[in-house]
Structure formats: structure tokens, C-alpha cells
Amino acid sequence: MQSVVDSLRKKGKIYKKMQEIAPRELGVRNKIKIFKATDVSGYFWAIFAISQKSRLLMKDVHKFEEIYAKLVIFYGHNFKHKIIFIDAPICSKAKEALLAQGWKIQ
């Protein structure tokens, strides 16, 4: 969590509250770190941190959208911003799809 906070702080993002959500709570079996954050203005942020060795493909984009939909249902509200941290290389079509759906890629 500290690496996520540090990288966002370098970009000028400061949060009042940041909470990690266990994927098990959402019924997800993937190895993913999910954070719910509230910034100084009171907007909610959904932050996903993914660490995998293989390339991120379109099927993974659909999987992340399903996880995001479960997160919205779990908390009962939409998130103003969505950020995804990826350590793996990303397919060009997957990158375009993520950007089209409103994700910010770090």
C-alpha cells in the first residue's frame, strides 16, 4: 500500500482516507490489491494494483470491469476516478479499452 500512496503523492494526489479491500470480500479469486480512497475534495477513488508476469490482455480488461462492478455494488455508490497500477506489459488493444472505459493507467 505504501508504494501506491508514494507514487500517487508524487503526482500531487493526497487522500484523507485509504482502505484496502480484500478480494475475498467481493468474491474474487484473483491476486489483486483493491483500494478505496477518499481525496481532500471528498471524491471516491477506486485503485487497483496488479502484479503479474504475463502480458495484460483484453480478457483481463473484462475481468477488471467485473471486479469494479462488484465494488460499486458492495459499497452502493460509484467512484469518481479509477486508477490501475500494472507491473506487467500491456497489450495495445487492452490499453485502449481501459482508457475508453475511464481508467487511468500507472
N, C-alpha and C. Protein backbone atom coordinates (compact mmCIF):
# COMPACT_ATOMS: atom_id res chain seq x y z
N MET A 1 0.82 -1.19 0.00
CA MET A 1 0.00 0.00 0.00
C MET A 1 0.86 1.25 0.00
N GLN A 2 2.00 1.19 0.67
CA GLN A 2 2.86 2.36 0.76
C GLN A 2 3.40 2.78 -0.61
N SER A 3 3.72 1.81 -1.47
CA SER A 3 4.23 2.15 -2.80
C SER A 3 3.16 2.84 -3.64
N VAL A 4 1.91 2.42 -3.49
CA VAL A 4 0.81 3.05 -4.21
C VAL A 4 0.63 4.49 -3.73
N VAL A 5 0.66 4.68 -2.43
CA VAL A 5 0.49 6.02 -1.86
C VAL A 5 1.64 6.94 -2.28
N ASP A 6 2.86 6.42 -2.26
CA ASP A 6 4.01 7.24 -2.63
C ASP A 6 3.96 7.66 -4.09
N SER A 7 3.60 6.74 -4.97
CA SER A 7 3.55 7.09 -6.39
C SER A 7 2.43 8.09 -6.68
N LEU A 8 1.31 7.99 -5.98
CA LEU A 8 0.24 8.96 -6.17
C LEU A 8 0.59 10.31 -5.56
N ARG A 9 1.32 10.30 -4.46
CA ARG A 9 1.73 11.55 -3.82
C ARG A 9 2.68 12.33 -4.72
N LYS A 10 3.53 11.64 -5.46
CA LYS A 10 4.44 12.30 -6.40
C LYS A 10 3.67 13.03 -7.50
N LYS A 11 2.50 12.52 -7.84
CA LYS A 11 1.67 13.14 -8.87
C LYS A 11 0.75 14.21 -8.30
N GLY A 12 0.83 14.46 -6.99
CA GLY A 12 0.05 15.51 -6.37
C GLY A 12 -1.29 15.08 -5.82
N LYS A 13 -1.52 13.79 -5.71
CA LYS A 13 -2.78 13.28 -5.18
C LYS A 13 -2.63 13.00 -3.69
N ILE A 14 -3.47 13.61 -2.89
CA ILE A 14 -3.45 13.43 -1.44
C ILE A 14 -4.82 12.93 -1.01
N TYR A 15 -4.82 11.91 -0.16
CA TYR A 15 -6.06 11.29 0.28
C TYR A 15 -6.25 11.44 1.78
N LYS A 16 -7.53 11.68 2.18
CA LYS A 16 -7.86 11.73 3.60
C LYS A 16 -7.92 10.33 4.17
N LYS A 17 -8.46 9.41 3.41
CA LYS A 17 -8.66 8.06 3.90
C LYS A 17 -8.40 7.07 2.77
N MET A 18 -7.69 5.99 3.09
CA MET A 18 -7.43 4.95 2.11
C MET A 18 -7.62 3.61 2.79
N GLN A 19 -8.45 2.77 2.20
CA GLN A 19 -8.81 1.49 2.80
C GLN A 19 -8.56 0.37 1.80
N GLU A 20 -7.88 -0.68 2.24
CA GLU A 20 -7.66 -1.84 1.38
C GLU A 20 -8.83 -2.80 1.53
N ILE A 21 -9.29 -3.30 0.39
CA ILE A 21 -10.41 -4.24 0.37
C ILE A 21 -9.87 -5.60 -0.04
N ALA A 22 -10.17 -6.61 0.75
CA ALA A 22 -9.74 -7.96 0.42
C ALA A 22 -10.57 -8.46 -0.76
N PRO A 23 -9.92 -9.04 -1.77
CA PRO A 23 -10.68 -9.57 -2.91
C PRO A 23 -11.71 -10.62 -2.50
N ARG A 24 -11.44 -11.30 -1.41
CA ARG A 24 -12.37 -12.33 -0.91
C ARG A 24 -13.71 -11.72 -0.53
N GLU A 25 -13.70 -10.47 -0.06
CA GLU A 25 -14.96 -9.81 0.33
C GLU A 25 -15.87 -9.60 -0.87
N LEU A 26 -15.27 -9.40 -2.05
CA LEU A 26 -16.04 -9.19 -3.26
C LEU A 26 -16.33 -10.49 -4.01
N GLY A 27 -15.80 -11.59 -3.51
CA GLY A 27 -15.99 -12.86 -4.18
C GLY A 27 -15.07 -13.05 -5.37
N VAL A 28 -13.89 -12.44 -5.30
CA VAL A 28 -12.92 -12.51 -6.40
C VAL A 28 -11.75 -13.38 -5.96
N ARG A 29 -11.29 -14.24 -6.86
CA ARG A 29 -10.19 -15.13 -6.52
C ARG A 29 -8.86 -14.65 -7.09
N ASN A 30 -8.85 -13.55 -7.80
CA ASN A 30 -7.63 -13.06 -8.44
C ASN A 30 -6.66 -12.48 -7.41
N LYS A 31 -5.38 -12.50 -7.77
CA LYS A 31 -4.37 -11.86 -6.92
C LYS A 31 -4.28 -10.39 -7.34
N ILE A 32 -5.05 -9.59 -6.65
CA ILE A 32 -5.15 -8.18 -6.96
C ILE A 32 -5.33 -7.43 -5.64
N LYS A 33 -4.76 -6.24 -5.59
CA LYS A 33 -4.95 -5.38 -4.42
C LYS A 33 -5.94 -4.30 -4.81
N ILE A 34 -6.97 -4.15 -4.02
CA ILE A 34 -8.02 -3.19 -4.30
C ILE A 34 -8.06 -2.18 -3.16
N PHE A 35 -8.07 -0.90 -3.51
CA PHE A 35 -8.12 0.16 -2.52
C PHE A 35 -9.30 1.08 -2.81
N LYS A 36 -9.92 1.55 -1.74
CA LYS A 36 -10.96 2.58 -1.83
C LYS A 36 -10.39 3.80 -1.11
N ALA A 37 -10.31 4.92 -1.82
CA ALA A 37 -9.72 6.12 -1.23
C ALA A 37 -10.68 7.29 -1.35
N THR A 38 -10.54 8.22 -0.42
CA THR A 38 -11.30 9.46 -0.44
C THR A 38 -10.30 10.61 -0.47
N ASP A 39 -10.42 11.49 -1.47
CA ASP A 39 -9.46 12.59 -1.55
C ASP A 39 -9.93 13.78 -0.71
N VAL A 40 -9.15 14.84 -0.75
CA VAL A 40 -9.43 16.02 0.07
C VAL A 40 -10.76 16.67 -0.33
N SER A 41 -11.13 16.58 -1.61
CA SER A 41 -12.38 17.17 -2.09
C SER A 41 -13.61 16.34 -1.76
N GLY A 42 -13.39 15.10 -1.28
CA GLY A 42 -14.50 14.24 -0.93
C GLY A 42 -14.89 13.27 -2.03
N TYR A 43 -14.13 13.21 -3.11
CA TYR A 43 -14.41 12.26 -4.19
C TYR A 43 -13.85 10.89 -3.86
N PHE A 44 -14.54 9.85 -4.33
CA PHE A 44 -14.10 8.49 -4.10
C PHE A 44 -13.26 8.00 -5.27
N TRP A 45 -12.21 7.26 -4.98
CA TRP A 45 -11.30 6.71 -5.97
C TRP A 45 -11.26 5.19 -5.80
N ALA A 46 -11.29 4.47 -6.91
CA ALA A 46 -11.07 3.02 -6.92
C ALA A 46 -9.68 2.80 -7.48
N ILE A 47 -8.83 2.14 -6.71
CA ILE A 47 -7.45 1.92 -7.10
C ILE A 47 -7.18 0.43 -7.11
N PHE A 48 -6.74 -0.08 -8.26
CA PHE A 48 -6.39 -1.49 -8.41
C PHE A 48 -4.88 -1.58 -8.60
N ALA A 49 -4.22 -2.49 -7.91
CA ALA A 49 -2.79 -2.75 -8.08
C ALA A 49 -2.62 -4.20 -8.51
N ILE A 50 -2.08 -4.37 -9.72
CA ILE A 50 -1.92 -5.70 -10.29
C ILE A 50 -0.45 -5.98 -10.52
N SER A 51 -0.01 -7.13 -10.07
CA SER A 51 1.36 -7.56 -10.29
C SER A 51 1.32 -8.96 -10.88
N GLN A 52 1.67 -9.05 -12.15
CA GLN A 52 1.70 -10.34 -12.82
C GLN A 52 2.85 -10.37 -13.81
N LYS A 53 3.27 -11.57 -14.18
CA LYS A 53 4.41 -11.72 -15.07
C LYS A 53 3.99 -11.71 -16.53
N SER A 54 2.82 -12.24 -16.83
CA SER A 54 2.37 -12.30 -18.21
C SER A 54 1.74 -10.98 -18.65
N ARG A 55 1.61 -10.82 -19.94
CA ARG A 55 1.07 -9.59 -20.51
C ARG A 55 -0.42 -9.47 -20.21
N LEU A 56 -0.87 -8.25 -20.01
CA LEU A 56 -2.27 -7.96 -19.73
C LEU A 56 -3.03 -7.91 -21.05
N LEU A 57 -4.06 -8.73 -21.18
CA LEU A 57 -4.81 -8.86 -22.43
C LEU A 57 -6.24 -8.35 -22.26
N MET A 58 -7.01 -8.41 -23.35
CA MET A 58 -8.39 -7.94 -23.33
C MET A 58 -9.26 -8.73 -22.34
N LYS A 59 -9.00 -10.02 -22.19
CA LYS A 59 -9.81 -10.80 -21.24
C LYS A 59 -9.60 -10.29 -19.82
N ASP A 60 -8.41 -9.78 -19.54
CA ASP A 60 -8.14 -9.22 -18.22
C ASP A 60 -8.89 -7.91 -18.02
N VAL A 61 -9.05 -7.13 -19.10
CA VAL A 61 -9.80 -5.87 -19.01
C VAL A 61 -11.24 -6.15 -18.63
N HIS A 62 -11.84 -7.16 -19.24
CA HIS A 62 -13.23 -7.53 -18.89
C HIS A 62 -13.31 -7.99 -17.44
N LYS A 63 -12.29 -8.71 -17.00
CA LYS A 63 -12.25 -9.20 -15.62
C LYS A 63 -12.19 -8.03 -14.64
N PHE A 64 -11.37 -7.00 -14.95
CA PHE A 64 -11.26 -5.84 -14.07
C PHE A 64 -12.56 -5.04 -14.05
N GLU A 65 -13.26 -4.97 -15.16
CA GLU A 65 -14.54 -4.27 -15.18
C GLU A 65 -15.57 -5.01 -14.33
N GLU A 66 -15.52 -6.33 -14.33
CA GLU A 66 -16.43 -7.11 -13.48
C GLU A 66 -16.12 -6.88 -12.01
N ILE A 67 -14.83 -6.83 -11.68
CA ILE A 67 -14.43 -6.56 -10.30
C ILE A 67 -14.88 -5.17 -9.88
N TYR A 68 -14.73 -4.19 -10.78
CA TYR A 68 -15.16 -2.83 -10.48
C TYR A 68 -16.68 -2.78 -10.26
N ALA A 69 -17.44 -3.52 -11.07
CA ALA A 69 -18.90 -3.55 -10.91
C ALA A 69 -19.27 -4.15 -9.55
N LYS A 70 -18.55 -5.20 -9.14
CA LYS A 70 -18.79 -5.79 -7.81
C LYS A 70 -18.46 -4.80 -6.70
N LEU A 71 -17.40 -4.00 -6.91
CA LEU A 71 -17.01 -3.00 -5.91
C LEU A 71 -18.08 -1.92 -5.77
N VAL A 72 -18.65 -1.49 -6.90
CA VAL A 72 -19.72 -0.49 -6.87
C VAL A 72 -20.95 -1.03 -6.13
N ILE A 73 -21.29 -2.27 -6.40
CA ILE A 73 -22.45 -2.88 -5.72
C ILE A 73 -22.17 -3.06 -4.23
N PHE A 74 -20.95 -3.45 -3.89
CA PHE A 74 -20.57 -3.70 -2.50
C PHE A 74 -20.69 -2.43 -1.65
N TYR A 75 -20.24 -1.28 -2.22
CA TYR A 75 -20.29 -0.03 -1.46
C TYR A 75 -21.54 0.80 -1.74
N GLY A 76 -22.26 0.51 -2.78
CA GLY A 76 -23.52 1.20 -3.04
C GLY A 76 -23.35 2.59 -3.62
N HIS A 77 -22.21 2.91 -4.20
CA HIS A 77 -22.02 4.20 -4.87
C HIS A 77 -20.96 4.06 -5.95
N ASN A 78 -20.98 4.99 -6.89
CA ASN A 78 -19.99 5.00 -7.96
C ASN A 78 -18.73 5.72 -7.50
N PHE A 79 -17.65 5.47 -8.19
CA PHE A 79 -16.38 6.12 -7.89
C PHE A 79 -16.11 7.16 -8.96
N LYS A 80 -15.62 8.32 -8.54
CA LYS A 80 -15.35 9.41 -9.47
C LYS A 80 -14.16 9.08 -10.37
N HIS A 81 -13.12 8.46 -9.80
CA HIS A 81 -11.90 8.16 -10.55
C HIS A 81 -11.55 6.69 -10.38
N LYS A 82 -10.94 6.12 -11.43
CA LYS A 82 -10.48 4.73 -11.40
C LYS A 82 -9.02 4.72 -11.87
N ILE A 83 -8.14 4.16 -11.04
CA ILE A 83 -6.73 4.07 -11.38
C ILE A 83 -6.31 2.61 -11.31
N ILE A 84 -5.45 2.21 -12.23
CA ILE A 84 -4.94 0.85 -12.24
C ILE A 84 -3.41 0.90 -12.33
N PHE A 85 -2.75 0.23 -11.39
CA PHE A 85 -1.29 0.11 -11.36
C PHE A 85 -0.94 -1.26 -11.93
N ILE A 86 -0.12 -1.27 -12.98
CA ILE A 86 0.23 -2.52 -13.63
C ILE A 86 1.75 -2.63 -13.72
N ASP A 87 2.27 -3.77 -13.25
CA ASP A 87 3.71 -4.04 -13.36
C ASP A 87 4.05 -4.76 -14.65
N ALA A 88 3.07 -5.40 -15.27
CA ALA A 88 3.29 -6.23 -16.45
C ALA A 88 3.15 -5.40 -17.72
N PRO A 89 3.70 -5.92 -18.83
CA PRO A 89 3.44 -5.25 -20.12
C PRO A 89 1.96 -5.34 -20.46
N ILE A 90 1.48 -4.40 -21.25
CA ILE A 90 0.06 -4.34 -21.57
C ILE A 90 -0.13 -4.34 -23.07
N CYS A 91 -1.10 -5.09 -23.53
CA CYS A 91 -1.45 -5.16 -24.95
C CYS A 91 -2.03 -3.81 -25.38
N SER A 92 -1.77 -3.41 -26.62
CA SER A 92 -2.22 -2.10 -27.09
C SER A 92 -3.75 -2.01 -27.13
N LYS A 93 -4.43 -3.09 -27.52
CA LYS A 93 -5.89 -3.09 -27.53
C LYS A 93 -6.45 -3.02 -26.12
N ALA A 94 -5.80 -3.70 -25.19
CA ALA A 94 -6.24 -3.65 -23.80
C ALA A 94 -6.06 -2.25 -23.23
N LYS A 95 -4.96 -1.61 -23.59
CA LYS A 95 -4.71 -0.25 -23.11
C LYS A 95 -5.77 0.71 -23.63
N GLU A 96 -6.11 0.60 -24.91
CA GLU A 96 -7.15 1.45 -25.50
C GLU A 96 -8.49 1.20 -24.82
N ALA A 97 -8.80 -0.07 -24.54
CA ALA A 97 -10.08 -0.40 -23.89
C ALA A 97 -10.14 0.16 -22.48
N LEU A 98 -9.04 0.07 -21.74
CA LEU A 98 -9.02 0.62 -20.38
C LEU A 98 -9.20 2.13 -20.39
N LEU A 99 -8.52 2.81 -21.30
CA LEU A 99 -8.64 4.26 -21.39
C LEU A 99 -10.05 4.66 -21.83
N ALA A 100 -10.66 3.89 -22.72
CA ALA A 100 -12.01 4.19 -23.19
C ALA A 100 -13.05 4.03 -22.07
N GLN A 101 -12.78 3.13 -21.13
CA GLN A 101 -13.71 2.90 -20.03
C GLN A 101 -13.43 3.80 -18.83
N GLY A 102 -12.50 4.73 -18.96
CA GLY A 102 -12.29 5.73 -17.91
C GLY A 102 -11.20 5.40 -16.92
N TRP A 103 -10.38 4.38 -17.19
CA TRP A 103 -9.29 4.04 -16.29
C TRP A 103 -8.09 4.92 -16.57
N LYS A 104 -7.36 5.24 -15.52
CA LYS A 104 -6.06 5.90 -15.65
C LYS A 104 -4.99 4.84 -15.37
N ILE A 105 -4.05 4.69 -16.30
CA ILE A 105 -3.05 3.63 -16.17
C ILE A 105 -1.77 4.22 -15.62
N GLN A 106 -1.22 3.56 -14.60
CA GLN A 106 0.05 3.99 -14.00
C GLN A 106 1.06 2.90 -14.18
